[in-house]
Amino acid sequence: MKKIIFVRHGRAEDPSAELTDFERSLTTKGKVISRQMARRFREKESEPGLIITSPAFRALETAFVFASEFGIPYDNIVINSNLYFKAGIKNLFEIIGRLDDHTNTITLFGHNPAFTEMPDRLSKSGCEFLTKTSAVCISFKTDSWSGVKLDSGKEEYILRPEK
């Protein structure tokens, strides 16, 4: 079985003239909620598999929070600029097409609208909108990443921050 877990970045600073969208950081509340969600995520997953993140600072920070919850060194996080500049289903298939089949799980950190659209297109039943710091796990009954197809996955769970 293969699993793709999508985690939308935490709450970030508002856009401003001083910072580009790429540079925006998590707010204090965004960091706190990311930590809470990482703990809840750890209750679902014994390990996140390969962590791949957008290079945008808010996504990278969110990935760091989740990695630290699992004791994963930051050097093991893969940064993929296409998760920011060209996020979408075509790019996702390029990413998984390069994976070794010994890797069974990947956890991606990125942005909407792509992080709602991709799991929606992969899951047979569709996927609801991902709010900030939400996570959704889509599993596939295949031993090879080449067996991951549109509308072939099953939504295992969705985690949303508590209100």
C-alpha atoms as a PDB file:
ATOM      1  CA  MET A   1       0.000   0.000   0.000  1.00  0.00           C
ATOM      2  CA  LYS A   2       1.146   3.556  -0.773  1.00  0.00           C
ATOM      3  CA  LYS A   3       0.030   6.634   1.147  1.00  0.00           C
ATOM      4  CA  ILE A   4       0.165  10.313   0.289  1.00  0.00           C
ATOM      5  CA  ILE A   5      -0.499  12.685   3.164  1.00  0.00           C
ATOM      6  CA  PHE A   6      -1.213  16.327   2.378  1.00  0.00           C
ATOM      7  CA  VAL A   7      -0.659  18.914   5.120  1.00  0.00           C
ATOM      8  CA  ARG A   8      -1.614  22.503   4.458  1.00  0.00           C
ATOM      9  CA  HIS A   9       0.716  25.021   6.104  1.00  0.00           C
ATOM     10  CA  GLY A  10      -0.283  26.747   9.337  1.00  0.00           C
ATOM     11  CA  ARG A  11      -1.680  30.241   9.790  1.00  0.00           C
ATOM     12  CA  ALA A  12       0.781  32.788   8.389  1.00  0.00           C
ATOM     13  CA  GLU A  13       1.416  36.489   8.652  1.00  0.00           C
ATOM     14  CA  ASP A  14      -0.803  38.692   6.544  1.00  0.00           C
ATOM     15  CA  PRO A  15       0.650  39.825   3.240  1.00  0.00           C
ATOM     16  CA  SER A  16       2.543  43.098   3.533  1.00  0.00           C
ATOM     17  CA  ALA A  17       4.722  45.419   1.505  1.00  0.00           C
ATOM     18  CA  GLU A  18       7.741  44.374   3.590  1.00  0.00           C
ATOM     19  CA  LEU A  19       7.501  40.643   2.830  1.00  0.00           C
ATOM     20  CA  THR A  20       6.932  38.676  -0.319  1.00  0.00           C
ATOM     21  CA  ASP A  21       4.336  35.905  -0.208  1.00  0.00           C
ATOM     22  CA  PHE A  22       7.233  33.439  -0.279  1.00  0.00           C
ATOM     23  CA  GLU A  23       8.794  34.937   2.885  1.00  0.00           C
ATOM     24  CA  ARG A  24       5.700  35.017   5.094  1.00  0.00           C
ATOM     25  CA  SER A  25       6.219  33.207   8.398  1.00  0.00           C
ATOM     26  CA  LEU A  26       3.805  31.354  10.653  1.00  0.00           C
ATOM     27  CA  THR A  27       2.146  33.488  13.286  1.00  0.00           C
ATOM     28  CA  THR A  28       2.563  32.550  16.936  1.00  0.00           C
ATOM     29  CA  LYS A  29      -0.922  31.015  16.836  1.00  0.00           C
ATOM     30  CA  GLY A  30       0.027  29.208  13.613  1.00  0.00           C
ATOM     31  CA  LYS A  31       3.042  27.659  15.358  1.00  0.00           C
ATOM     32  CA  VAL A  32       0.966  26.580  18.364  1.00  0.00           C
ATOM     33  CA  ILE A  33      -1.724  24.985  16.191  1.00  0.00           C
ATOM     34  CA  SER A  34       0.922  23.323  14.011  1.00  0.00           C
ATOM     35  CA  ARG A  35       2.447  21.738  17.136  1.00  0.00           C
ATOM     36  CA  GLN A  36      -1.013  20.523  18.275  1.00  0.00           C
ATOM     37  CA  MET A  37      -1.735  19.093  14.841  1.00  0.00           C
ATOM     38  CA  ALA A  38       1.668  17.392  14.686  1.00  0.00           C
ATOM     39  CA  ARG A  39       0.842  15.623  17.960  1.00  0.00           C
ATOM     40  CA  ARG A  40      -2.568  14.543  16.640  1.00  0.00           C
ATOM     41  CA  PHE A  41      -0.903  13.402  13.412  1.00  0.00           C
ATOM     42  CA  ARG A  42       1.529  11.281  15.439  1.00  0.00           C
ATOM     43  CA  GLU A  43      -1.480   9.488  16.961  1.00  0.00           C
ATOM     44  CA  LYS A  44      -2.479   8.432  13.421  1.00  0.00           C
ATOM     45  CA  GLU A  45       0.939   7.724  11.926  1.00  0.00           C
ATOM     46  CA  SER A  46       3.913   5.975  13.517  1.00  0.00           C
ATOM     47  CA  GLU A  47       6.129   7.812  11.034  1.00  0.00           C
ATOM     48  CA  PRO A  48       5.454  10.310   8.241  1.00  0.00           C
ATOM     49  CA  GLY A  49       7.602   8.605   5.628  1.00  0.00           C
ATOM     50  CA  LEU A  50       9.429  10.945   3.288  1.00  0.00           C
ATOM     51  CA  ILE A  51       8.689  14.601   4.067  1.00  0.00           C
ATOM     52  CA  ILE A  52       8.559  16.866   1.026  1.00  0.00           C
ATOM     53  CA  THR A  53       7.767  20.566   1.401  1.00  0.00           C
ATOM     54  CA  SER A  54       7.248  23.728  -0.537  1.00  0.00           C
ATOM     55  CA  PRO A  55      10.171  26.105   0.002  1.00  0.00           C
ATOM     56  CA  ALA A  56       7.837  28.947   1.047  1.00  0.00           C
ATOM     57  CA  PHE A  57       8.789  29.794   4.608  1.00  0.00           C
ATOM     58  CA  ARG A  58       5.372  29.097   6.177  1.00  0.00           C
ATOM     59  CA  ALA A  59       5.242  25.591   4.634  1.00  0.00           C
ATOM     60  CA  LEU A  60       8.852  24.902   5.584  1.00  0.00           C
ATOM     61  CA  GLU A  61       8.169  25.989   9.178  1.00  0.00           C
ATOM     62  CA  THR A  62       5.120  23.708   9.346  1.00  0.00           C
ATOM     63  CA  ALA A  63       7.183  20.797   8.008  1.00  0.00           C
ATOM     64  CA  PHE A  64       9.861  21.512  10.651  1.00  0.00           C
ATOM     65  CA  VAL A  65       7.256  21.380  13.433  1.00  0.00           C
ATOM     66  CA  PHE A  66       5.943  18.015  12.218  1.00  0.00           C
ATOM     67  CA  ALA A  67       9.450  16.626  11.683  1.00  0.00           C
ATOM     68  CA  SER A  68      10.504  17.613  15.193  1.00  0.00           C
ATOM     69  CA  GLU A  69       7.481  15.773  16.635  1.00  0.00           C
ATOM     70  CA  PHE A  70       8.878  12.590  15.065  1.00  0.00           C
ATOM     71  CA  GLY A  71      12.527  13.343  15.857  1.00  0.00           C
ATOM     72  CA  ILE A  72      13.364  13.648  12.162  1.00  0.00           C
ATOM     73  CA  PRO A  73      16.436  15.791  11.399  1.00  0.00           C
ATOM     74  CA  TYR A  74      15.657  18.837   9.279  1.00  0.00           C
ATOM     75  CA  ASP A  75      18.325  17.707   6.803  1.00  0.00           C
ATOM     76  CA  ASN A  76      16.052  14.766   5.893  1.00  0.00           C
ATOM     77  CA  ILE A  77      13.297  17.084   4.648  1.00  0.00           C
ATOM     78  CA  VAL A  78      13.139  17.365   0.870  1.00  0.00           C
ATOM     79  CA  ILE A  79      12.393  20.822  -0.513  1.00  0.00           C
ATOM     80  CA  ASN A  80      10.586  20.804  -3.850  1.00  0.00           C
ATOM     81  CA  SER A  81      10.086  24.242  -5.381  1.00  0.00           C
ATOM     82  CA  ASN A  82       7.318  22.930  -7.632  1.00  0.00           C
ATOM     83  CA  LEU A  83       5.086  22.552  -4.558  1.00  0.00           C
ATOM     84  CA  TYR A  84       5.064  26.357  -4.493  1.00  0.00           C
ATOM     85  CA  PHE A  85       5.575  27.462  -8.079  1.00  0.00           C
ATOM     86  CA  LYS A  86       3.810  24.672 -10.014  1.00  0.00           C
ATOM     87  CA  ALA A  87       1.692  22.787  -7.480  1.00  0.00           C
ATOM     88  CA  GLY A  88      -0.871  20.538  -9.065  1.00  0.00           C
ATOM     89  CA  ILE A  89      -1.693  16.984 -10.006  1.00  0.00           C
ATOM     90  CA  LYS A  90       0.741  16.876 -12.959  1.00  0.00           C
ATOM     91  CA  ASN A  91       3.619  17.912 -10.703  1.00  0.00           C
ATOM     92  CA  LEU A  92       2.518  15.431  -8.016  1.00  0.00           C
ATOM     93  CA  PHE A  93       2.787  12.583 -10.527  1.00  0.00           C
ATOM     94  CA  GLU A  94       6.282  13.824 -11.447  1.00  0.00           C
ATOM     95  CA  ILE A  95       7.259  13.762  -7.743  1.00  0.00           C
ATOM     96  CA  ILE A  96       5.927  10.265  -7.077  1.00  0.00           C
ATOM     97  CA  GLY A  97       7.331   9.038 -10.389  1.00  0.00           C
ATOM     98  CA  ARG A  98      10.831   9.627  -8.995  1.00  0.00           C
ATOM     99  CA  LEU A  99      10.201   7.738  -5.742  1.00  0.00           C
ATOM    100  CA  ASP A 100      11.696   4.375  -4.920  1.00  0.00           C
ATOM    101  CA  ASP A 101       8.983   1.764  -4.372  1.00  0.00           C
ATOM    102  CA  HIS A 102      10.541   0.955  -0.987  1.00  0.00           C
ATOM    103  CA  THR A 103       9.121   4.284   0.171  1.00  0.00           C
ATOM    104  CA  ASN A 104       5.509   3.600   1.150  1.00  0.00           C
ATOM    105  CA  THR A 105       4.451   6.962   2.595  1.00  0.00           C
ATOM    106  CA  ILE A 106       5.115  10.566   1.707  1.00  0.00           C
ATOM    107  CA  THR A 107       3.940  13.598   3.621  1.00  0.00           C
ATOM    108  CA  LEU A 108       3.681  16.788   1.581  1.00  0.00           C
ATOM    109  CA  PHE A 109       3.527  20.325   2.997  1.00  0.00           C
ATOM    110  CA  GLY A 110       2.133  23.088   0.845  1.00  0.00           C
ATOM    111  CA  HIS A 111      -0.632  25.448  -0.110  1.00  0.00           C
ATOM    112  CA  ASN A 112      -4.192  25.743  -1.317  1.00  0.00           C
ATOM    113  CA  PRO A 113      -5.870  25.534  -3.729  1.00  0.00           C
ATOM    114  CA  ALA A 114      -3.605  22.681  -4.893  1.00  0.00           C
ATOM    115  CA  PHE A 115      -3.607  20.922  -1.512  1.00  0.00           C
ATOM    116  CA  THR A 116      -7.370  20.561  -1.654  1.00  0.00           C
ATOM    117  CA  GLU A 117      -7.544  19.812  -5.384  1.00  0.00           C
ATOM    118  CA  MET A 118      -4.900  17.054  -5.460  1.00  0.00           C
ATOM    119  CA  PRO A 119      -6.394  14.778  -2.773  1.00  0.00           C
ATOM    120  CA  ASP A 120      -9.854  15.473  -4.196  1.00  0.00           C
ATOM    121  CA  ARG A 121      -8.765  14.180  -7.606  1.00  0.00           C
ATOM    122  CA  LEU A 122      -6.916  11.184  -6.150  1.00  0.00           C
ATOM    123  CA  SER A 123      -9.660   9.935  -3.829  1.00  0.00           C
ATOM    124  CA  LYS A 124     -12.595   7.892  -5.155  1.00  0.00           C
ATOM    125  CA  SER A 125     -14.926   9.736  -2.794  1.00  0.00           C
ATOM    126  CA  GLY A 126     -13.368  13.185  -3.197  1.00  0.00           C
ATOM    127  CA  CYS A 127     -11.941  15.362  -0.452  1.00  0.00           C
ATOM    128  CA  GLU A 128     -13.273  18.346   1.431  1.00  0.00           C
ATOM    129  CA  PHE A 129     -11.564  21.750   1.554  1.00  0.00           C
ATOM    130  CA  LEU A 130      -8.369  21.722   3.624  1.00  0.00           C
ATOM    131  CA  THR A 131      -8.239  24.543   6.139  1.00  0.00           C
ATOM    132  CA  LYS A 132      -4.908  25.801   7.451  1.00  0.00           C
ATOM    133  CA  THR A 133      -2.886  23.045   9.184  1.00  0.00           C
ATOM    134  CA  SER A 134      -5.354  20.348   8.113  1.00  0.00           C
ATOM    135  CA  ALA A 135      -4.031  16.981   6.989  1.00  0.00           C
ATOM    136  CA  VAL A 136      -5.590  14.331   4.776  1.00  0.00           C
ATOM    137  CA  CYS A 137      -4.274  10.836   4.102  1.00  0.00           C
ATOM    138  CA  ILE A 138      -5.058   9.121   0.811  1.00  0.00           C
ATOM    139  CA  SER A 139      -4.075   5.442   0.490  1.00  0.00           C
ATOM    140  CA  PHE A 140      -3.699   3.338  -2.644  1.00  0.00           C
ATOM    141  CA  LYS A 141      -3.877  -0.454  -2.988  1.00  0.00           C
ATOM    142  CA  THR A 142      -0.648  -0.785  -4.933  1.00  0.00           C
ATOM    143  CA  ASP A 143       2.951  -1.765  -4.241  1.00  0.00           C
ATOM    144  CA  SER A 144       4.313   0.680  -6.799  1.00  0.00           C
ATOM    145  CA  TRP A 145       4.047   4.452  -7.110  1.00  0.00           C
ATOM    146  CA  SER A 146       3.239   3.900 -10.791  1.00  0.00           C
ATOM    147  CA  GLY A 147      -0.016   2.298  -9.564  1.00  0.00           C
ATOM    148  CA  VAL A 148      -1.243   5.589  -8.092  1.00  0.00           C
ATOM    149  CA  LYS A 149      -3.969   6.890 -10.391  1.00  0.00           C
ATOM    150  CA  LEU A 150      -6.674   9.540 -10.327  1.00  0.00           C
ATOM    151  CA  ASP A 151      -9.868   8.474  -8.519  1.00  0.00           C
ATOM    152  CA  SER A 152      -8.181   5.311  -7.213  1.00  0.00           C
ATOM    153  CA  GLY A 153      -7.334   6.317  -3.659  1.00  0.00           C
ATOM    154  CA  LYS A 154      -9.189   5.990  -0.396  1.00  0.00           C
ATOM    155  CA  GLU A 155      -9.390   8.794   2.152  1.00  0.00           C
ATOM    156  CA  GLU A 156      -8.095   7.172   5.352  1.00  0.00           C
ATOM    157  CA  TYR A 157      -8.613  10.217   7.559  1.00  0.00           C
ATOM    158  CA  ILE A 158      -8.734  13.970   7.659  1.00  0.00           C
ATOM    159  CA  LEU A 159      -7.455  15.969  10.611  1.00  0.00           C
ATOM    160  CA  ARG A 160      -8.591  19.537  11.199  1.00  0.00           C
ATOM    161  CA  PRO A 161      -7.576  21.956  13.929  1.00  0.00           C
ATOM    162  CA  GLU A 162     -10.077  22.142  16.753  1.00  0.00           C
ATOM    163  CA  LYS A 163     -12.005  25.372  17.003  1.00  0.00           C
END
